[in-house]
Each structure stands twice: as C-alpha cells, then as structure tokens.
Amino acid sequence: MTIPSPIDHIAVPSTNIAASVRWYVDRFAAIVLYQDATWAFLQMGPVKLAIVTPTQHPPHVAVSVTEAQLAAAAKEANVPIDAHRDGTTGIYLHDPFGNAVELICYPPGGTIYQKPPSTT
C-alpha cells in the first residue's frame, strides 16, 4: 500500500522531559503544544517533535494519514489500531531496517493540544 502523506512528527526519547523541552525551546524557539511528566509535543516549523520517556514509545517518524488509510494499513499489517491519550489513533510499522514508523490519524474534533479556531 502506498500512502502519500506528510511527516507529522518525529519522536525522540528522553529521561528528563522538562529539561529536553527547555533545550529545544531555548535553541530552536520550539512552541510547546503539550507537556506533562511523561511526554511533550513541540511545534518546530511544519513538523512536530514528540519527546517521550524511553519506555513509552520507540523513537520514530510519524506520518499523518486519514482514518480510511489507517484502517487499510492496519488490516494489511494485521495489527490493531491503538487509541492514544491525546485523542489520536495510530499503528506502528517497521521499515526493512527495523526503524519504527507511526501512522497517525487526528480526530475530527481535535486533540488535547489543538486549540479550536478563534471566532473573533
């Protein structure tokens, strides 16, 4: 299956989420979309950076897909679709060299870090 989709985010592990966030904000003017003790989501230009604890998720590249694309890819890979705590759904695949690639789908109503459009 070919899925022409943009890169949504890159995930990197950290044993100190707060210190990692400070580092990316101070050096690259990253914008914090969400942060707690176990993960953070930063906007860096058109791509987001997920900072996660090492046991939470593997380092990976995430590609944004539609709900239909996600369902088809999950069926083809014979893996269940995972619901994430931020409201997204996704699956993890691996390239031929073992690198993790996440297919991520955003819900129509947005996520915990997406703000609704301003009405003013």
C-alpha atoms as a PDB file:
ATOM      1  CA  MET A   1       0.000   0.000   0.000  1.00  0.00           C
ATOM      2  CA  THR A   2       1.337   3.431  -0.937  1.00  0.00           C
ATOM      3  CA  ILE A   3       0.310   6.286   1.342  1.00  0.00           C
ATOM      4  CA  PRO A   4       1.313   9.758   0.084  1.00  0.00           C
ATOM      5  CA  SER A   5       1.306  11.564   3.407  1.00  0.00           C
ATOM      6  CA  PRO A   6       3.244  14.319   5.137  1.00  0.00           C
ATOM      7  CA  ILE A   7       5.529  13.777   8.097  1.00  0.00           C
ATOM      8  CA  ASP A   8       3.571  14.727  11.205  1.00  0.00           C
ATOM      9  CA  HIS A   9       6.203  14.361  13.898  1.00  0.00           C
ATOM     10  CA  ILE A  10       9.468  12.820  14.956  1.00  0.00           C
ATOM     11  CA  ALA A  11       9.669  11.172  18.381  1.00  0.00           C
ATOM     12  CA  VAL A  12      12.833  11.130  20.458  1.00  0.00           C
ATOM     13  CA  PRO A  13      13.353   9.541  23.877  1.00  0.00           C
ATOM     14  CA  SER A  14      14.372  11.492  26.971  1.00  0.00           C
ATOM     15  CA  THR A  15      14.883  10.630  30.623  1.00  0.00           C
ATOM     16  CA  ASN A  16      14.071  14.237  31.578  1.00  0.00           C
ATOM     17  CA  ILE A  17      11.111  15.651  29.650  1.00  0.00           C
ATOM     18  CA  ALA A  18      11.268  19.139  31.207  1.00  0.00           C
ATOM     19  CA  ALA A  19      14.990  19.561  30.510  1.00  0.00           C
ATOM     20  CA  SER A  20      14.547  18.355  26.938  1.00  0.00           C
ATOM     21  CA  VAL A  21      11.689  20.788  26.365  1.00  0.00           C
ATOM     22  CA  ARG A  22      13.785  23.676  27.684  1.00  0.00           C
ATOM     23  CA  TRP A  23      16.658  22.683  25.392  1.00  0.00           C
ATOM     24  CA  TYR A  24      14.505  22.686  22.232  1.00  0.00           C
ATOM     25  CA  VAL A  25      12.652  25.866  23.215  1.00  0.00           C
ATOM     26  CA  ASP A  26      15.867  27.742  24.052  1.00  0.00           C
ATOM     27  CA  ARG A  27      17.797  26.654  20.978  1.00  0.00           C
ATOM     28  CA  PHE A  28      15.141  26.421  18.294  1.00  0.00           C
ATOM     29  CA  ALA A  29      12.235  28.541  19.600  1.00  0.00           C
ATOM     30  CA  ALA A  30      10.047  25.431  19.611  1.00  0.00           C
ATOM     31  CA  ILE A  31       6.459  26.056  20.692  1.00  0.00           C
ATOM     32  CA  VAL A  32       5.138  23.787  23.437  1.00  0.00           C
ATOM     33  CA  LEU A  33       1.798  22.318  22.358  1.00  0.00           C
ATOM     34  CA  TYR A  34       1.535  19.949  25.312  1.00  0.00           C
ATOM     35  CA  GLN A  35       3.730  18.866  28.197  1.00  0.00           C
ATOM     36  CA  ASP A  36       3.429  16.604  31.217  1.00  0.00           C
ATOM     37  CA  ALA A  37       5.856  14.415  33.177  1.00  0.00           C
ATOM     38  CA  THR A  38       5.924  11.627  30.584  1.00  0.00           C
ATOM     39  CA  TRP A  39       5.797  13.368  27.219  1.00  0.00           C
ATOM     40  CA  ALA A  40       5.795  16.677  25.412  1.00  0.00           C
ATOM     41  CA  PHE A  41       4.727  17.782  21.960  1.00  0.00           C
ATOM     42  CA  LEU A  42       6.552  20.709  20.370  1.00  0.00           C
ATOM     43  CA  GLN A  43       5.871  22.582  17.138  1.00  0.00           C
ATOM     44  CA  MET A  44       9.010  23.226  15.104  1.00  0.00           C
ATOM     45  CA  GLY A  45       8.016  24.801  11.809  1.00  0.00           C
ATOM     46  CA  PRO A  46       5.733  22.483   9.840  1.00  0.00           C
ATOM     47  CA  VAL A  47       6.804  19.394  11.811  1.00  0.00           C
ATOM     48  CA  LYS A  48       6.209  18.476  15.431  1.00  0.00           C
ATOM     49  CA  LEU A  49       8.674  16.892  17.847  1.00  0.00           C
ATOM     50  CA  ALA A  50       7.433  14.393  20.415  1.00  0.00           C
ATOM     51  CA  ILE A  51       9.649  13.938  23.452  1.00  0.00           C
ATOM     52  CA  VAL A  52       8.798  10.707  25.248  1.00  0.00           C
ATOM     53  CA  THR A  53      10.160   8.591  28.066  1.00  0.00           C
ATOM     54  CA  PRO A  54      12.262   5.698  26.701  1.00  0.00           C
ATOM     55  CA  THR A  55       9.758   3.034  27.770  1.00  0.00           C
ATOM     56  CA  GLN A  56       6.712   4.835  26.364  1.00  0.00           C
ATOM     57  CA  HIS A  57       7.255   4.755  22.603  1.00  0.00           C
ATOM     58  CA  PRO A  58      10.126   3.818  20.326  1.00  0.00           C
ATOM     59  CA  PRO A  59      11.998   6.587  18.521  1.00  0.00           C
ATOM     60  CA  HIS A  60      10.019   7.022  15.317  1.00  0.00           C
ATOM     61  CA  VAL A  61       8.850   9.126  12.418  1.00  0.00           C
ATOM     62  CA  ALA A  62       5.091   9.632  12.252  1.00  0.00           C
ATOM     63  CA  VAL A  63       3.152  10.099   9.043  1.00  0.00           C
ATOM     64  CA  SER A  64      -0.286  11.719   9.038  1.00  0.00           C
ATOM     65  CA  VAL A  65      -2.999   9.582   7.433  1.00  0.00           C
ATOM     66  CA  THR A  66      -6.758   9.587   7.066  1.00  0.00           C
ATOM     67  CA  GLU A  67      -8.997   7.247   9.021  1.00  0.00           C
ATOM     68  CA  ALA A  68      -9.535   5.115   5.901  1.00  0.00           C
ATOM     69  CA  GLN A  69      -5.798   4.922   5.185  1.00  0.00           C
ATOM     70  CA  LEU A  70      -5.121   3.937   8.798  1.00  0.00           C
ATOM     71  CA  ALA A  71      -7.780   1.212   8.720  1.00  0.00           C
ATOM     72  CA  ALA A  72      -6.440  -0.196   5.440  1.00  0.00           C
ATOM     73  CA  ALA A  73      -2.829  -0.164   6.665  1.00  0.00           C
ATOM     74  CA  ALA A  74      -3.793  -1.828   9.957  1.00  0.00           C
ATOM     75  CA  LYS A  75      -5.683  -4.537   8.087  1.00  0.00           C
ATOM     76  CA  GLU A  76      -2.782  -5.098   5.688  1.00  0.00           C
ATOM     77  CA  ALA A  77      -0.267  -5.296   8.570  1.00  0.00           C
ATOM     78  CA  ASN A  78      -2.675  -7.358  10.694  1.00  0.00           C
ATOM     79  CA  VAL A  79      -2.228  -5.064  13.702  1.00  0.00           C
ATOM     80  CA  PRO A  80      -4.814  -3.367  15.929  1.00  0.00           C
ATOM     81  CA  ILE A  81      -5.338   0.383  15.836  1.00  0.00           C
ATOM     82  CA  ASP A  82      -4.255   1.974  19.113  1.00  0.00           C
ATOM     83  CA  ALA A  83      -6.164   4.868  20.699  1.00  0.00           C
ATOM     84  CA  HIS A  84      -3.773   7.417  22.190  1.00  0.00           C
ATOM     85  CA  ARG A  85      -4.456   9.559  25.238  1.00  0.00           C
ATOM     86  CA  ASP A  86      -4.341  12.752  23.156  1.00  0.00           C
ATOM     87  CA  GLY A  87      -7.280  11.652  21.010  1.00  0.00           C
ATOM     88  CA  THR A  88      -5.308  10.400  18.014  1.00  0.00           C
ATOM     89  CA  THR A  89      -5.260   6.834  16.746  1.00  0.00           C
ATOM     90  CA  GLY A  90      -2.414   5.014  15.099  1.00  0.00           C
ATOM     91  CA  ILE A  91      -0.322   1.982  14.388  1.00  0.00           C
ATOM     92  CA  TYR A  92       3.398   1.292  14.325  1.00  0.00           C
ATOM     93  CA  LEU A  93       5.064  -0.318  11.342  1.00  0.00           C
ATOM     94  CA  HIS A  94       8.762  -1.017  10.809  1.00  0.00           C
ATOM     95  CA  ASP A  95      10.801  -0.348   7.710  1.00  0.00           C
ATOM     96  CA  PRO A  96      13.066  -3.112   6.333  1.00  0.00           C
ATOM     97  CA  PHE A  97      15.859  -1.952   8.663  1.00  0.00           C
ATOM     98  CA  GLY A  98      13.811  -2.028  11.866  1.00  0.00           C
ATOM     99  CA  ASN A  99      13.058   1.698  12.149  1.00  0.00           C
ATOM    100  CA  ALA A 100       9.653   2.452  13.642  1.00  0.00           C
ATOM    101  CA  VAL A 101       7.172   4.422  11.551  1.00  0.00           C
ATOM    102  CA  GLU A 102       3.888   5.503  13.086  1.00  0.00           C
ATOM    103  CA  LEU A 103       0.786   6.105  11.011  1.00  0.00           C
ATOM    104  CA  ILE A 104      -1.244   8.670  12.947  1.00  0.00           C
ATOM    105  CA  CYS A 105      -4.803   9.869  12.433  1.00  0.00           C
ATOM    106  CA  TYR A 106      -6.193  13.004  14.067  1.00  0.00           C
ATOM    107  CA  PRO A 107      -9.814  13.025  15.266  1.00  0.00           C
ATOM    108  CA  PRO A 108     -12.299  15.419  13.636  1.00  0.00           C
ATOM    109  CA  GLY A 109     -12.815  17.289  16.924  1.00  0.00           C
ATOM    110  CA  GLY A 110      -9.124  17.880  17.522  1.00  0.00           C
ATOM    111  CA  THR A 111      -6.788  16.715  20.267  1.00  0.00           C
ATOM    112  CA  ILE A 112      -5.894  17.858  23.767  1.00  0.00           C
ATOM    113  CA  TYR A 113      -3.295  20.271  22.360  1.00  0.00           C
ATOM    114  CA  GLN A 114      -5.159  21.560  19.313  1.00  0.00           C
ATOM    115  CA  LYS A 115      -6.997  24.782  20.010  1.00  0.00           C
ATOM    116  CA  PRO A 116     -10.332  25.452  18.327  1.00  0.00           C
ATOM    117  CA  PRO A 117     -10.280  28.260  15.772  1.00  0.00           C
ATOM    118  CA  SER A 118     -10.838  31.745  17.121  1.00  0.00           C
ATOM    119  CA  THR A 119     -14.259  33.251  16.455  1.00  0.00           C
ATOM    120  CA  THR A 120     -13.085  36.827  16.885  1.00  0.00           C
END
